[in-house]
Amino acid sequence: MNDRPTVHTDVRGGVGTVTFGEPPNNYLNIWLLTAINDALLELDANPDCRALVLRSEGKHFCAGRDFSAPRHPEDASELLYAEAARLFRIGKPWIALVQGGAIGSGFGLAAAADFRIAASAAYFYPNFVKVGLHHGFGLTLTLPAIVGPHQARRALYLGERIPAAEAQRMGLADTVIGDGDDLLAAGLGFADRLASVPPAALAAIRATCRKELTEAGYVAAVAHESAEQSRLRPAMPGTSR
């Protein structure tokens, strides 16, 4: 495991961008998630930033957690989820740019954002149930808020890959970028539009619209998810989730 993850930030024209890279799969661990949160919250506190973009370098946006690698006690699910709660301290709208897979916890990371823009070959994969586990990373809270309870139940019960086109149809992906188009340019273009809105009004509207998606609400959701994972967890080495 790499305890020195690669995370870069950039601020241009009111938009702050966080880029993380542990390619090709960008497996998630406590160190990488902490670095992502630190970067997002630093930009969130920057008065020059009015909208944020999260992106990654590699084949996948985030292929979940790598359970084939040796694990450290610090990388337990409960600690990872506790760190993930800091995503809900972000006060400015943020966009996740998804290429390749957003798998398991990587899906949870993308679902914490306000918006998702996806490449045409991207997919979202809530695969926890496929390995006999309860879903985690707050997906039981965030996904119904994005796509509605019925579509969330279908996705979580079946645990099937959701291709980009289907994700757009169900409201999970706001935009799907065609082959050969620039995913980052599309994300920055949308972020520019958000940054042009009067910030006080935008902040107030965001707080109202995300009133269920608070740090406290997330902590409560993952407490239940983690308890169910502990009850159901099989020994499944080599599985990403």
Protein backbone atom coordinates (compact mmCIF):
# COMPACT_ATOMS: atom_id res chain seq x y z
CA MET A 1 0.00 0.00 0.00
CA ASN A 2 1.19 3.45 -0.85
CA ASP A 3 1.10 5.84 2.12
CA ARG A 4 2.21 8.73 -0.08
CA PRO A 5 -0.66 9.04 -2.54
CA THR A 6 -0.41 11.35 -5.51
CA VAL A 7 -2.94 14.19 -5.23
CA HIS A 8 -2.65 17.53 -7.03
CA THR A 9 -4.78 20.67 -6.88
CA ASP A 10 -5.31 23.52 -9.31
CA VAL A 11 -7.39 26.70 -9.19
CA ARG A 12 -8.47 28.49 -12.35
CA GLY A 13 -11.24 31.02 -12.80
CA GLY A 14 -13.21 30.17 -9.69
CA VAL A 15 -12.92 26.39 -10.15
CA GLY A 16 -10.73 24.19 -7.97
CA THR A 17 -9.65 20.82 -9.34
CA VAL A 18 -8.36 17.86 -7.34
CA THR A 19 -6.60 15.13 -9.33
CA PHE A 20 -5.61 11.86 -7.70
CA GLY A 21 -3.57 9.12 -9.27
CA GLU A 22 -2.72 5.60 -8.21
CA PRO A 23 -3.15 4.23 -11.74
CA PRO A 24 -4.31 2.18 -13.43
CA ASN A 25 -7.03 1.21 -10.97
CA ASN A 26 -6.86 3.94 -8.32
CA TYR A 27 -7.70 1.52 -5.53
CA LEU A 28 -8.95 3.34 -2.45
CA ASN A 29 -7.31 3.17 0.95
CA ILE A 30 -7.31 5.37 4.03
CA TRP A 31 -4.22 7.33 2.96
CA LEU A 32 -5.54 8.17 -0.50
CA LEU A 33 -8.99 9.11 0.79
CA THR A 34 -7.47 11.32 3.49
CA ALA A 35 -5.34 13.09 0.88
CA ILE A 36 -8.39 13.59 -1.37
CA ASN A 37 -10.41 15.01 1.52
CA ASP A 38 -7.60 17.30 2.63
CA ALA A 39 -7.31 18.68 -0.90
CA LEU A 40 -11.06 19.14 -1.42
CA LEU A 41 -11.54 20.84 1.95
CA GLU A 42 -8.55 23.12 1.37
CA LEU A 43 -10.08 24.26 -1.91
CA ASP A 44 -13.51 24.51 -0.27
CA ALA A 45 -12.01 27.02 2.18
CA ASN A 46 -10.36 29.00 -0.61
CA PRO A 47 -12.45 32.12 -1.36
CA ASP A 48 -11.23 32.04 -4.95
CA CYS A 49 -12.99 28.68 -5.48
CA ARG A 50 -16.73 28.59 -6.06
CA ALA A 51 -17.02 25.07 -7.50
CA LEU A 52 -14.85 21.96 -7.28
CA VAL A 53 -13.95 19.09 -9.61
CA LEU A 54 -12.62 15.67 -8.55
CA ARG A 55 -10.90 13.53 -11.17
CA SER A 56 -8.38 10.73 -11.39
CA GLU A 57 -5.66 9.56 -13.73
CA GLY A 58 -5.71 5.99 -14.98
CA LYS A 59 -7.98 3.36 -16.49
CA HIS A 60 -10.64 3.67 -13.77
CA PHE A 61 -12.00 6.55 -11.75
CA CYS A 62 -11.69 4.33 -8.67
CA ALA A 63 -11.89 0.53 -8.70
CA GLY A 64 -12.81 0.28 -5.03
CA ARG A 65 -10.58 -1.27 -2.40
CA ASP A 66 -7.88 -3.78 -3.29
CA PHE A 67 -8.48 -6.80 -1.09
CA SER A 68 -5.77 -8.80 -2.85
CA ALA A 69 -3.10 -6.57 -1.26
CA PRO A 70 -1.82 -6.93 2.31
CA ARG A 71 -3.92 -4.81 4.60
CA HIS A 72 -2.97 -2.64 7.55
CA PRO A 73 -5.18 -2.17 10.65
CA GLU A 74 -5.47 1.51 9.73
CA ASP A 75 -7.25 0.52 6.51
CA ALA A 76 -10.23 -1.18 8.16
CA SER A 77 -13.63 -0.41 6.64
CA GLU A 78 -14.80 1.46 9.72
CA LEU A 79 -11.84 3.86 9.58
CA LEU A 80 -12.22 4.34 5.84
CA TYR A 81 -15.90 5.18 6.26
CA ALA A 82 -15.15 7.53 9.15
CA GLU A 83 -12.73 9.39 6.90
CA ALA A 84 -15.32 9.40 4.10
CA ALA A 85 -17.68 11.37 6.37
CA ARG A 86 -15.44 14.40 5.83
CA LEU A 87 -16.70 14.52 2.23
CA PHE A 88 -19.94 15.87 3.68
CA ARG A 89 -18.18 18.86 5.22
CA ILE A 90 -17.62 20.29 1.74
CA GLY A 91 -19.80 23.38 1.39
CA LYS A 92 -19.36 24.11 -2.30
CA PRO A 93 -20.81 22.11 -5.18
CA TRP A 94 -18.44 19.51 -6.57
CA ILE A 95 -18.37 17.30 -9.62
CA ALA A 96 -16.88 13.82 -10.00
CA LEU A 97 -15.48 13.00 -13.44
CA VAL A 98 -15.78 9.28 -14.07
CA GLN A 99 -13.76 7.33 -16.61
CA GLY A 100 -13.69 3.54 -16.60
CA GLY A 101 -15.20 2.05 -13.48
CA ALA A 102 -16.53 3.60 -10.30
CA ILE A 103 -16.63 0.35 -8.37
CA GLY A 104 -17.72 -0.42 -4.81
CA SER A 105 -16.22 2.25 -2.59
CA GLY A 106 -15.25 4.13 -5.76
CA PHE A 107 -18.95 4.28 -6.61
CA GLY A 108 -19.53 5.61 -3.09
CA LEU A 109 -16.92 8.31 -3.63
CA ALA A 110 -18.55 9.44 -6.88
CA ALA A 111 -22.02 9.33 -5.31
CA ALA A 112 -20.96 11.76 -2.57
CA ALA A 113 -20.51 14.49 -5.20
CA ASP A 114 -23.26 16.87 -6.27
CA PHE A 115 -22.86 15.86 -9.93
CA ARG A 116 -21.22 13.18 -12.04
CA ILE A 117 -19.98 13.55 -15.60
CA ALA A 118 -19.02 10.27 -17.24
CA ALA A 119 -17.07 9.12 -20.25
CA SER A 120 -19.07 6.99 -22.66
CA ALA A 121 -17.15 3.86 -21.60
CA ALA A 122 -17.60 4.55 -17.88
CA TYR A 123 -19.70 2.41 -15.60
CA PHE A 124 -20.89 2.39 -12.00
CA TYR A 125 -20.71 -0.94 -10.19
CA PRO A 126 -22.30 -1.43 -6.74
CA ASN A 127 -20.70 -4.85 -6.43
CA PHE A 128 -20.90 -5.39 -2.66
CA VAL A 129 -23.86 -7.76 -2.91
CA LYS A 130 -22.04 -9.86 -5.51
CA VAL A 131 -19.54 -10.94 -2.86
CA GLY A 132 -22.15 -11.45 -0.15
CA LEU A 133 -21.72 -8.11 1.62
CA HIS A 134 -24.04 -5.31 2.61
CA HIS A 135 -23.36 -2.12 0.66
CA GLY A 136 -21.06 0.43 2.29
CA PHE A 137 -19.50 3.87 1.87
CA GLY A 138 -22.91 5.42 2.49
CA LEU A 139 -24.45 4.21 -0.78
CA THR A 140 -27.71 3.37 1.01
CA LEU A 141 -27.95 7.09 1.81
CA THR A 142 -26.50 8.78 -1.25
CA LEU A 143 -27.84 6.65 -4.10
CA PRO A 144 -31.57 7.05 -3.21
CA ALA A 145 -30.98 10.81 -2.98
CA ILE A 146 -29.62 10.79 -6.53
CA VAL A 147 -31.88 8.39 -8.42
CA GLY A 148 -34.86 7.91 -6.09
CA PRO A 149 -35.57 4.99 -3.74
CA HIS A 150 -37.00 2.57 -6.31
CA GLN A 151 -34.11 2.79 -8.76
CA ALA A 152 -31.63 2.72 -5.88
CA ARG A 153 -33.18 -0.49 -4.55
CA ARG A 154 -32.93 -2.10 -7.98
CA ALA A 155 -29.27 -1.12 -8.33
CA LEU A 156 -28.30 -2.19 -4.82
CA TYR A 157 -30.28 -5.44 -4.78
CA LEU A 158 -28.91 -6.65 -8.12
CA GLY A 159 -25.40 -5.24 -7.86
CA GLU A 160 -25.01 -5.12 -11.63
CA ARG A 161 -22.81 -2.82 -13.68
CA ILE A 162 -24.57 0.36 -14.72
CA PRO A 163 -23.18 1.56 -18.08
CA ALA A 164 -22.82 5.28 -18.66
CA ALA A 165 -25.86 5.54 -20.94
CA GLU A 166 -28.07 3.78 -18.37
CA ALA A 167 -26.58 5.91 -15.60
CA GLN A 168 -27.58 9.03 -17.51
CA ARG A 169 -31.09 7.71 -18.10
CA MET A 170 -31.61 7.08 -14.38
CA GLY A 171 -30.07 10.41 -13.33
CA LEU A 172 -26.86 9.00 -11.87
CA ALA A 173 -24.70 10.60 -14.56
CA ASP A 174 -25.64 14.16 -15.42
CA THR A 175 -23.77 14.12 -18.73
CA VAL A 176 -22.08 11.42 -20.80
CA ILE A 177 -19.17 12.56 -22.94
CA GLY A 178 -18.81 10.95 -26.35
CA ASP A 179 -15.74 9.09 -27.59
CA GLY A 180 -12.91 11.45 -28.39
CA ASP A 181 -14.35 14.29 -26.32
CA ASP A 182 -12.49 15.76 -23.38
CA LEU A 183 -13.93 14.68 -20.03
CA LEU A 184 -11.96 17.27 -18.08
CA ALA A 185 -13.01 20.08 -20.41
CA ALA A 186 -16.65 19.09 -19.97
CA GLY A 187 -16.28 19.01 -16.20
CA LEU A 188 -14.54 22.36 -16.06
CA GLY A 189 -17.15 23.85 -18.37
CA PHE A 190 -19.97 22.78 -16.07
CA ALA A 191 -18.01 23.91 -13.01
CA ASP A 192 -17.55 27.31 -14.64
CA ARG A 193 -21.32 27.60 -14.94
CA LEU A 194 -21.71 26.78 -11.23
CA ALA A 195 -19.00 29.27 -10.35
CA SER A 196 -20.88 32.03 -12.19
CA VAL A 197 -23.94 31.71 -9.92
CA PRO A 198 -24.12 34.16 -6.96
CA PRO A 199 -22.26 32.16 -4.28
CA ALA A 200 -24.43 32.98 -1.26
CA ALA A 201 -27.60 31.95 -3.08
CA LEU A 202 -25.94 28.81 -4.43
CA ALA A 203 -24.71 27.82 -0.95
CA ALA A 204 -28.17 28.30 0.55
CA ILE A 205 -29.89 26.30 -2.18
CA ARG A 206 -27.29 23.54 -1.94
CA ALA A 207 -27.76 23.28 1.83
CA THR A 208 -31.52 22.97 1.36
CA CYS A 209 -31.28 20.40 -1.41
CA ARG A 210 -28.71 18.30 0.48
CA LYS A 211 -30.29 18.59 3.91
CA GLU A 212 -30.36 14.78 4.24
CA LEU A 213 -26.77 14.44 3.04
CA THR A 214 -25.01 15.73 6.13
CA GLU A 215 -21.96 14.41 7.94
CA ALA A 216 -24.18 13.25 10.82
CA GLY A 217 -26.58 11.52 8.43
CA TYR A 218 -23.69 9.82 6.67
CA VAL A 219 -22.16 8.64 9.97
CA ALA A 220 -25.48 7.11 11.00
CA ALA A 221 -25.88 5.38 7.63
CA VAL A 222 -22.40 3.88 7.60
CA ALA A 223 -22.73 2.75 11.22
CA HIS A 224 -25.59 0.51 10.14
CA GLU A 225 -23.83 -0.52 6.92
CA SER A 226 -20.66 -1.42 8.81
CA ALA A 227 -22.57 -3.47 11.38
CA GLU A 228 -24.24 -5.42 8.59
CA GLN A 229 -20.94 -5.89 6.77
CA SER A 230 -19.38 -7.31 9.93
CA ARG A 231 -22.28 -9.70 10.30
CA LEU A 232 -22.16 -10.87 6.70
CA ARG A 233 -18.49 -10.54 5.81
CA PRO A 234 -17.02 -13.63 4.20
CA ALA A 235 -13.32 -14.15 3.64
CA MET A 236 -13.07 -13.12 -0.03
CA PRO A 237 -9.42 -12.34 -0.88
CA GLY A 238 -8.85 -10.66 -4.21
CA THR A 239 -12.16 -8.83 -4.28
CA SER A 240 -12.49 -5.07 -4.78
CA ARG A 241 -15.35 -3.42 -2.91
